[in-house]
C-alpha atoms as a PDB file:
ATOM      1  CA  SER A   1      -1.077  -2.488 -21.324  1.00  0.00           C
ATOM      2  CA  LEU A   2       1.166  -5.332 -21.519  1.00  0.00           C
ATOM      3  CA  LYS A   3       3.859  -6.771 -19.125  1.00  0.00           C
ATOM      4  CA  THR A   4       6.435  -7.552 -21.234  1.00  0.00           C
ATOM      5  CA  THR A   5       9.677  -9.119 -20.789  1.00  0.00           C
ATOM      6  CA  GLY A   6      13.466  -8.753 -22.742  1.00  0.00           C
ATOM      7  CA  PRO A   7      14.871  -5.406 -23.370  1.00  0.00           C
ATOM      8  CA  PHE A   8      12.762  -5.346 -26.780  1.00  0.00           C
ATOM      9  CA  GLY A   9       9.458  -6.143 -25.168  1.00  0.00           C
ATOM     10  CA  CYS A  10       7.081  -8.826 -26.153  1.00  0.00           C
ATOM     11  CA  THR A  11       3.970  -7.972 -28.070  1.00  0.00           C
ATOM     12  CA  MET A  12       2.113 -11.391 -26.477  1.00  0.00           C
ATOM     13  CA  GLU A  13       0.297 -10.275 -23.634  1.00  0.00           C
ATOM     14  CA  LEU A  14       1.793 -12.423 -20.857  1.00  0.00           C
ATOM     15  CA  LEU A  15      -0.473 -11.418 -17.671  1.00  0.00           C
ATOM     16  CA  PRO A  16      -3.332  -8.959 -17.358  1.00  0.00           C
ATOM     17  CA  MET A  17      -1.966  -6.365 -15.465  1.00  0.00           C
ATOM     18  CA  PRO A  18      -4.059  -4.524 -12.423  1.00  0.00           C
ATOM     19  CA  ALA A  19      -4.656  -0.820 -12.842  1.00  0.00           C
ATOM     20  CA  ALA A  20      -2.702  -0.002  -9.746  1.00  0.00           C
ATOM     21  CA  ILE A  21       0.310  -1.496 -11.149  1.00  0.00           C
ATOM     22  CA  GLN A  22      -0.536  -0.028 -14.477  1.00  0.00           C
ATOM     23  CA  GLN A  23      -1.063   3.007 -13.028  1.00  0.00           C
ATOM     24  CA  GLY A  24       2.562   3.158 -11.426  1.00  0.00           C
ATOM     25  CA  CYS A  25       4.764   2.238 -14.031  1.00  0.00           C
ATOM     26  CA  LEU A  26       3.642   4.182 -16.754  1.00  0.00           C
ATOM     27  CA  LYS A  27       5.300   7.486 -15.049  1.00  0.00           C
ATOM     28  CA  GLY A  28       8.810   6.372 -16.703  1.00  0.00           C
ATOM     29  CA  ALA A  29       7.229   5.373 -19.911  1.00  0.00           C
ATOM     30  CA  SER A  30       8.834   5.233 -23.100  1.00  0.00           C
ATOM     31  CA  GLY A  31       7.574   4.231 -26.467  1.00  0.00           C
ATOM     32  CA  GLY A  32       4.282   3.441 -25.141  1.00  0.00           C
ATOM     33  CA  HIS A  33       5.989   0.575 -23.204  1.00  0.00           C
ATOM     34  CA  PRO A  34       5.922   1.013 -19.110  1.00  0.00           C
ATOM     35  CA  ASP A  35       9.428   0.950 -17.899  1.00  0.00           C
ATOM     36  CA  PHE A  36       8.796  -1.833 -14.851  1.00  0.00           C
ATOM     37  CA  GLY A  37      12.448  -1.980 -14.171  1.00  0.00           C
ATOM     38  CA  ALA A  38      12.705   1.737 -13.259  1.00  0.00           C
ATOM     39  CA  ALA A  39       9.036   1.104 -11.167  1.00  0.00           C
ATOM     40  CA  VAL A  40      10.496  -1.942  -9.152  1.00  0.00           C
ATOM     41  CA  GLN A  41      13.557   0.127  -8.391  1.00  0.00           C
ATOM     42  CA  GLU A  42      11.664   3.173  -6.862  1.00  0.00           C
ATOM     43  CA  VAL A  43       8.854   0.909  -5.152  1.00  0.00           C
ATOM     44  CA  LEU A  44      11.750  -0.657  -3.617  1.00  0.00           C
ATOM     45  CA  LYS A  45      13.580   2.553  -2.374  1.00  0.00           C
ATOM     46  CA  GLY A  46      10.025   4.020  -1.225  1.00  0.00           C
ATOM     47  CA  CYS A  47       9.145   1.195   1.000  1.00  0.00           C
ATOM     48  CA  GLY A  48      12.184   1.938   3.282  1.00  0.00           C
ATOM     49  CA  ARG A  49      13.478  -1.957   3.289  1.00  0.00           C
ATOM     50  CA  GLN A  50      16.814  -2.754   2.880  1.00  0.00           C
ATOM     51  CA  GLY A  51      16.688  -6.471   3.546  1.00  0.00           C
ATOM     52  CA  ARG A  52      18.980  -8.505   5.065  1.00  0.00           C
ATOM     53  CA  PRO A  53      23.031  -8.873   4.476  1.00  0.00           C
ATOM     54  CA  PRO A  54      24.024 -11.356   1.219  1.00  0.00           C
ATOM     55  CA  PRO A  55      24.884 -13.851   3.039  1.00  0.00           C
ATOM     56  CA  ALA A  56      21.924 -13.879   5.291  1.00  0.00           C
ATOM     57  CA  ARG A  57      19.665 -13.605   2.391  1.00  0.00           C
ATOM     58  CA  LEU A  58      17.067 -16.790   2.022  1.00  0.00           C
ATOM     59  CA  SER A  59      18.194 -18.223   5.335  1.00  0.00           C
ATOM     60  CA  ARG A  60      17.024 -18.024   9.066  1.00  0.00           C
ATOM     61  CA  GLU A  61      19.873 -15.920  10.262  1.00  0.00           C
ATOM     62  CA  LEU A  62      18.492 -12.594  10.989  1.00  0.00           C
ATOM     63  CA  TRP A  63      15.287 -13.246  10.384  1.00  0.00           C
ATOM     64  CA  GLN A  64      12.937 -11.221  13.016  1.00  0.00           C
ATOM     65  CA  HIS A  65       9.321 -12.085  11.891  1.00  0.00           C
ATOM     66  CA  GLU A  66       7.665 -15.271  13.546  1.00  0.00           C
ATOM     67  CA  THR A  67       4.179 -15.181  11.312  1.00  0.00           C
ATOM     68  CA  VAL A  68       6.223 -14.969   8.066  1.00  0.00           C
ATOM     69  CA  HIS A  69       9.013 -17.807   7.004  1.00  0.00           C
ATOM     70  CA  LEU A  70      11.315 -17.197   3.865  1.00  0.00           C
ATOM     71  CA  GLU A  71      14.422 -19.942   3.345  1.00  0.00           C
ATOM     72  CA  MET A  72      15.630 -21.595   0.547  1.00  0.00           C
ATOM     73  CA  ALA A  73      13.875 -25.010   0.184  1.00  0.00           C
ATOM     74  CA  GLY A  74      16.098 -26.465  -2.643  1.00  0.00           C
ATOM     75  CA  GLN A  75      18.114 -25.797  -5.370  1.00  0.00           C
ATOM     76  CA  HIS A  76      16.964 -22.585  -6.765  1.00  0.00           C
ATOM     77  CA  VAL A  77      13.603 -23.082  -4.918  1.00  0.00           C
ATOM     78  CA  ALA A  78      12.203 -20.428  -1.942  1.00  0.00           C
ATOM     79  CA  SER A  79       9.704 -21.068   0.695  1.00  0.00           C
ATOM     80  CA  LEU A  80       7.561 -18.673   2.026  1.00  0.00           C
ATOM     81  CA  VAL A  81       5.342 -19.443   4.776  1.00  0.00           C
ATOM     82  CA  ILE A  82       2.502 -17.472   6.500  1.00  0.00           C
ATOM     83  CA  HIS A  83       1.533 -19.379   9.707  1.00  0.00           C
ATOM     84  CA  CYS A  84      -1.958 -18.009  10.809  1.00  0.00           C
ATOM     85  CA  SER A  85      -3.086 -18.299  14.559  1.00  0.00           C
ATOM     86  CA  ASN A  86      -6.189 -17.107  15.720  1.00  0.00           C
ATOM     87  CA  GLN A  87      -4.705 -14.246  17.570  1.00  0.00           C
ATOM     88  CA  GLN A  88      -4.436 -12.376  14.294  1.00  0.00           C
ATOM     89  CA  SER A  89      -5.864 -11.930  11.300  1.00  0.00           C
ATOM     90  CA  ILE A  90      -3.463 -12.020   7.569  1.00  0.00           C
ATOM     91  CA  SER A  91      -3.934  -8.134   7.423  1.00  0.00           C
ATOM     92  CA  ASP A  92      -2.064  -7.930  10.524  1.00  0.00           C
ATOM     93  CA  VAL A  93       0.402  -5.098  10.285  1.00  0.00           C
ATOM     94  CA  ARG A  94       3.155  -7.797  11.690  1.00  0.00           C
ATOM     95  CA  VAL A  95       2.193 -10.424   9.176  1.00  0.00           C
ATOM     96  CA  LEU A  96       2.122  -7.600   6.131  1.00  0.00           C
ATOM     97  CA  GLU A  97       5.699  -6.045   7.102  1.00  0.00           C
ATOM     98  CA  GLY A  98       6.834  -9.882   7.449  1.00  0.00           C
ATOM     99  CA  LEU A  99       5.839 -10.010   3.687  1.00  0.00           C
ATOM    100  CA  LEU A 100       7.148  -7.168   2.638  1.00  0.00           C
ATOM    101  CA  ASP A 101      10.990  -7.703   3.895  1.00  0.00           C
ATOM    102  CA  ALA A 102      10.316 -11.310   2.322  1.00  0.00           C
ATOM    103  CA  ILE A 103       9.312  -9.921  -0.951  1.00  0.00           C
ATOM    104  CA  VAL A 104      12.066  -7.300  -1.090  1.00  0.00           C
ATOM    105  CA  GLU A 105      14.859  -9.775  -0.222  1.00  0.00           C
ATOM    106  CA  LEU A 106      13.696 -12.053  -3.001  1.00  0.00           C
ATOM    107  CA  HIS A 107      13.878  -9.150  -5.666  1.00  0.00           C
ATOM    108  CA  GLN A 108      17.193  -8.785  -4.479  1.00  0.00           C
ATOM    109  CA  SER A 109      17.847 -12.401  -5.031  1.00  0.00           C
ATOM    110  CA  ALA A 110      16.784 -12.677  -8.690  1.00  0.00           C
ATOM    111  CA  GLY A 111      18.769 -15.246 -10.130  1.00  0.00           C
ATOM    112  CA  ARG A 112      19.451 -17.355  -6.915  1.00  0.00           C
ATOM    113  CA  VAL A 113      15.721 -18.164  -6.934  1.00  0.00           C
ATOM    114  CA  ARG A 114      13.822 -19.102  -9.905  1.00  0.00           C
ATOM    115  CA  LEU A 115      10.770 -20.689  -8.256  1.00  0.00           C
ATOM    116  CA  LEU A 116       8.816 -19.208  -5.173  1.00  0.00           C
ATOM    117  CA  TYR A 117       6.880 -21.746  -3.315  1.00  0.00           C
ATOM    118  CA  ILE A 118       3.773 -19.494  -1.144  1.00  0.00           C
ATOM    119  CA  ALA A 119       1.617 -21.357   1.783  1.00  0.00           C
ATOM    120  CA  LEU A 120      -0.439 -20.115   4.635  1.00  0.00           C
ATOM    121  CA  HIS A 121      -0.253 -22.190   7.350  1.00  0.00           C
ATOM    122  CA  LEU A 122      -3.932 -21.535   9.540  1.00  0.00           C
ATOM    123  CA  GLY A 123      -3.829 -22.867  13.074  1.00  0.00           C
ATOM    124  CA  ASP A 124      -6.225 -25.655  14.291  1.00  0.00           C
ATOM    125  CA  SER A 125      -8.566 -22.961  16.044  1.00  0.00           C
ATOM    126  CA  CYS A 126      -8.156 -20.557  12.753  1.00  0.00           C
ATOM    127  CA  HIS A 127     -11.745 -20.286  11.468  1.00  0.00           C
ATOM    128  CA  ASP A 128     -11.358 -16.591  11.589  1.00  0.00           C
ATOM    129  CA  CYS A 129      -8.005 -15.934   9.487  1.00  0.00           C
ATOM    130  CA  VAL A 130      -9.541 -13.474   6.671  1.00  0.00           C
ATOM    131  CA  PHE A 131      -8.031 -10.291   4.898  1.00  0.00           C
ATOM    132  CA  GLU A 132      -9.195  -7.257   5.940  1.00  0.00           C
ATOM    133  CA  ALA A 133      -7.591  -4.662   3.672  1.00  0.00           C
ATOM    134  CA  HIS A 134      -8.986  -1.915   5.523  1.00  0.00           C
ATOM    135  CA  SER A 135      -7.349  -2.507   8.730  1.00  0.00           C
ATOM    136  CA  ALA A 136      -3.697  -2.237   6.970  1.00  0.00           C
ATOM    137  CA  PRO A 137      -2.295   1.148   5.816  1.00  0.00           C
ATOM    138  CA  ALA A 138      -2.641   1.798   2.158  1.00  0.00           C
ATOM    139  CA  LYS A 139       0.982   1.816   1.262  1.00  0.00           C
ATOM    140  CA  LEU A 140       1.623  -1.084   2.909  1.00  0.00           C
ATOM    141  CA  GLN A 141      -0.941  -2.643   1.002  1.00  0.00           C
ATOM    142  CA  ALA A 142       0.424  -1.239  -2.547  1.00  0.00           C
ATOM    143  CA  ASP A 143       3.716  -1.774  -2.079  1.00  0.00           C
ATOM    144  CA  ILE A 144       3.047  -5.816  -1.155  1.00  0.00           C
ATOM    145  CA  LEU A 145       0.695  -6.166  -4.213  1.00  0.00           C
ATOM    146  CA  PHE A 146       3.005  -4.305  -6.805  1.00  0.00           C
ATOM    147  CA  LEU A 147       6.416  -6.438  -5.249  1.00  0.00           C
ATOM    148  CA  THR A 148       4.379  -9.537  -5.669  1.00  0.00           C
ATOM    149  CA  TYR A 149       3.261  -9.160  -9.093  1.00  0.00           C
ATOM    150  CA  MET A 150       6.832  -7.740 -10.258  1.00  0.00           C
ATOM    151  CA  LEU A 151       8.384 -11.057  -8.850  1.00  0.00           C
ATOM    152  CA  PRO A 152      11.096 -12.056 -11.141  1.00  0.00           C
ATOM    153  CA  MET A 153      10.555 -15.332 -10.628  1.00  0.00           C
ATOM    154  CA  TYR A 154       7.807 -18.365 -11.198  1.00  0.00           C
ATOM    155  CA  VAL A 155       5.227 -18.205  -8.223  1.00  0.00           C
ATOM    156  CA  TYR A 156       3.180 -21.379  -6.967  1.00  0.00           C
ATOM    157  CA  GLY A 157       0.739 -21.046  -4.080  1.00  0.00           C
ATOM    158  CA  PHE A 158      -0.614 -23.368  -1.751  1.00  0.00           C
ATOM    159  CA  VAL A 159      -3.285 -22.586   1.117  1.00  0.00           C
END
């Protein structure tokens, strides 16, 4: 299956679609093309996150997460920074909840953000920071995977 863009789709494959995402999008498929918009809205509703009010989005105001920071870094550029210390792993539930909140806000800010810069900052003594998928709730992981894959902007990552 193809990830397509525009109201009439695109015949050229843009990105290979992971199987988990393909299964979620095919529920509302019409004419052989998955309904990505409906799938994104369904996951956004199902994750139980509202995001901050529009005036506070993409700023430091009302942001409650210490390990994940989301803010505007320039005109149409947002910065998402994950801080990892030696006391926690990247799959720590607090880190993943902060990541999900940031991703929900990014979906709500389509048009304001055209490029997302993601960085992972490791602490000085952080040699054991690994992603342990088995330690985080499966639904939280699935929501983050799907919503990250479906972000409506270019994404640039740096570790």
